[in-house]
Amino acid sequence: MPWAWASVELPGSSNVMITTARGIQVVFMLPSSERGAPASVVLAVHG
């Protein structure tokens, strides 16, 4: 069993979800940086 897996949804905001083997979900929400600004990262951990 892999330690973690990630799924990415495009286009628009990039939502990356990583679920570890222990069932902890880490979700990265990366807003699109169309204006050239660095994308902010929102980290949510559910365990």
N, C-alpha and C. Protein backbone atom coordinates (compact mmCIF):
# COMPACT_ATOMS: atom_id res chain seq x y z
N MET A 1 0.85 -1.19 0.00
CA MET A 1 0.00 0.00 0.00
C MET A 1 0.88 1.24 0.00
N PRO A 2 0.66 2.14 -0.93
CA PRO A 2 1.49 3.36 -0.98
C PRO A 2 1.31 4.19 0.27
N TRP A 3 2.35 4.90 0.65
CA TRP A 3 2.30 5.71 1.86
C TRP A 3 1.32 6.86 1.69
N ALA A 4 1.26 7.42 0.49
CA ALA A 4 0.36 8.53 0.23
C ALA A 4 0.04 8.60 -1.24
N TRP A 5 -1.09 9.21 -1.54
CA TRP A 5 -1.45 9.44 -2.94
C TRP A 5 -1.96 10.86 -3.06
N ALA A 6 -1.83 11.41 -4.24
CA ALA A 6 -2.24 12.79 -4.47
C ALA A 6 -3.11 12.88 -5.71
N SER A 7 -4.09 13.77 -5.63
CA SER A 7 -4.93 14.02 -6.79
C SER A 7 -4.97 15.51 -7.06
N VAL A 8 -4.90 15.87 -8.32
CA VAL A 8 -4.87 17.29 -8.70
C VAL A 8 -6.05 17.57 -9.62
N GLU A 9 -6.78 18.65 -9.32
CA GLU A 9 -7.91 19.03 -10.15
C GLU A 9 -7.60 20.35 -10.84
N LEU A 10 -7.70 20.36 -12.17
CA LEU A 10 -7.44 21.55 -12.96
C LEU A 10 -8.62 21.77 -13.91
N PRO A 11 -8.84 22.95 -14.48
CA PRO A 11 -8.08 24.18 -14.30
C PRO A 11 -8.66 25.01 -13.16
N GLY A 12 -8.46 26.35 -13.22
CA GLY A 12 -8.93 27.21 -12.14
C GLY A 12 -7.99 27.07 -10.95
N SER A 13 -8.55 26.88 -9.79
CA SER A 13 -7.72 26.67 -8.61
C SER A 13 -7.19 25.25 -8.61
N SER A 14 -5.94 25.11 -8.20
CA SER A 14 -5.34 23.78 -8.14
C SER A 14 -5.57 23.20 -6.75
N ASN A 15 -6.37 22.15 -6.68
CA ASN A 15 -6.63 21.49 -5.41
C ASN A 15 -5.88 20.17 -5.37
N VAL A 16 -4.92 20.08 -4.47
CA VAL A 16 -4.12 18.87 -4.36
C VAL A 16 -4.46 18.20 -3.04
N MET A 17 -4.93 16.97 -3.11
CA MET A 17 -5.26 16.22 -1.90
C MET A 17 -4.30 15.05 -1.74
N ILE A 18 -3.70 14.95 -0.56
CA ILE A 18 -2.81 13.83 -0.26
C ILE A 18 -3.40 13.07 0.92
N THR A 19 -3.62 11.79 0.73
CA THR A 19 -4.13 10.95 1.80
C THR A 19 -3.07 9.92 2.18
N THR A 20 -2.66 9.95 3.43
CA THR A 20 -1.63 9.02 3.88
C THR A 20 -2.27 7.68 4.24
N ALA A 21 -1.43 6.71 4.52
CA ALA A 21 -1.91 5.37 4.83
C ALA A 21 -2.71 5.36 6.13
N ARG A 22 -2.49 6.33 6.99
CA ARG A 22 -3.21 6.39 8.26
C ARG A 22 -4.54 7.12 8.12
N GLY A 23 -4.90 7.53 6.91
CA GLY A 23 -6.18 8.16 6.68
C GLY A 23 -6.17 9.66 6.94
N ILE A 24 -4.97 10.25 7.03
CA ILE A 24 -4.88 11.69 7.23
C ILE A 24 -4.91 12.37 5.88
N GLN A 25 -5.84 13.29 5.72
CA GLN A 25 -5.99 13.98 4.45
C GLN A 25 -5.37 15.37 4.53
N VAL A 26 -4.47 15.66 3.61
CA VAL A 26 -3.85 16.98 3.53
C VAL A 26 -4.28 17.60 2.21
N VAL A 27 -4.95 18.74 2.29
CA VAL A 27 -5.49 19.39 1.10
C VAL A 27 -4.77 20.71 0.87
N PHE A 28 -4.18 20.86 -0.30
CA PHE A 28 -3.52 22.10 -0.68
C PHE A 28 -4.41 22.82 -1.70
N MET A 29 -4.83 24.02 -1.37
CA MET A 29 -5.64 24.81 -2.30
C MET A 29 -4.78 25.94 -2.85
N LEU A 30 -4.45 25.85 -4.13
CA LEU A 30 -3.58 26.83 -4.75
C LEU A 30 -4.38 27.68 -5.73
N PRO A 31 -4.72 28.90 -5.33
CA PRO A 31 -5.45 29.78 -6.25
C PRO A 31 -4.61 30.07 -7.49
N SER A 32 -5.28 30.23 -8.60
CA SER A 32 -4.56 30.51 -9.84
C SER A 32 -3.88 31.86 -9.76
N SER A 33 -2.65 31.92 -10.21
CA SER A 33 -1.87 33.16 -10.14
C SER A 33 -1.79 33.78 -11.53
N GLU A 34 -2.96 34.18 -12.04
CA GLU A 34 -3.01 34.73 -13.40
C GLU A 34 -2.39 36.12 -13.46
N ARG A 35 -2.42 36.85 -12.34
CA ARG A 35 -1.89 38.21 -12.32
C ARG A 35 -0.39 38.23 -12.06
N GLY A 36 0.21 37.08 -11.98
CA GLY A 36 1.65 37.03 -11.74
C GLY A 36 2.02 37.02 -10.28
N ALA A 37 1.01 37.03 -9.40
CA ALA A 37 1.28 37.00 -7.97
C ALA A 37 1.53 35.56 -7.53
N PRO A 38 2.39 35.37 -6.55
CA PRO A 38 2.63 34.01 -6.05
C PRO A 38 1.35 33.41 -5.47
N ALA A 39 1.14 32.15 -5.74
CA ALA A 39 -0.06 31.48 -5.26
C ALA A 39 0.08 31.18 -3.77
N SER A 40 -0.96 31.50 -3.03
CA SER A 40 -0.95 31.22 -1.60
C SER A 40 -1.30 29.75 -1.37
N VAL A 41 -0.89 29.23 -0.24
CA VAL A 41 -1.12 27.82 0.07
C VAL A 41 -1.97 27.72 1.34
N VAL A 42 -3.06 27.00 1.24
CA VAL A 42 -3.90 26.75 2.40
C VAL A 42 -3.77 25.28 2.75
N LEU A 43 -3.35 25.00 3.97
CA LEU A 43 -3.12 23.62 4.39
C LEU A 43 -4.22 23.19 5.36
N ALA A 44 -4.89 22.11 5.03
CA ALA A 44 -5.94 21.58 5.90
C ALA A 44 -5.63 20.11 6.19
N VAL A 45 -5.55 19.78 7.45
CA VAL A 45 -5.25 18.40 7.83
C VAL A 45 -6.43 17.83 8.59
N HIS A 46 -6.93 16.70 8.12
CA HIS A 46 -8.03 16.02 8.79
C HIS A 46 -7.54 14.65 9.23
N GLY A 47 -7.59 14.38 10.53
CA GLY A 47 -7.08 13.11 11.01
C GLY A 47 -8.01 12.46 12.01
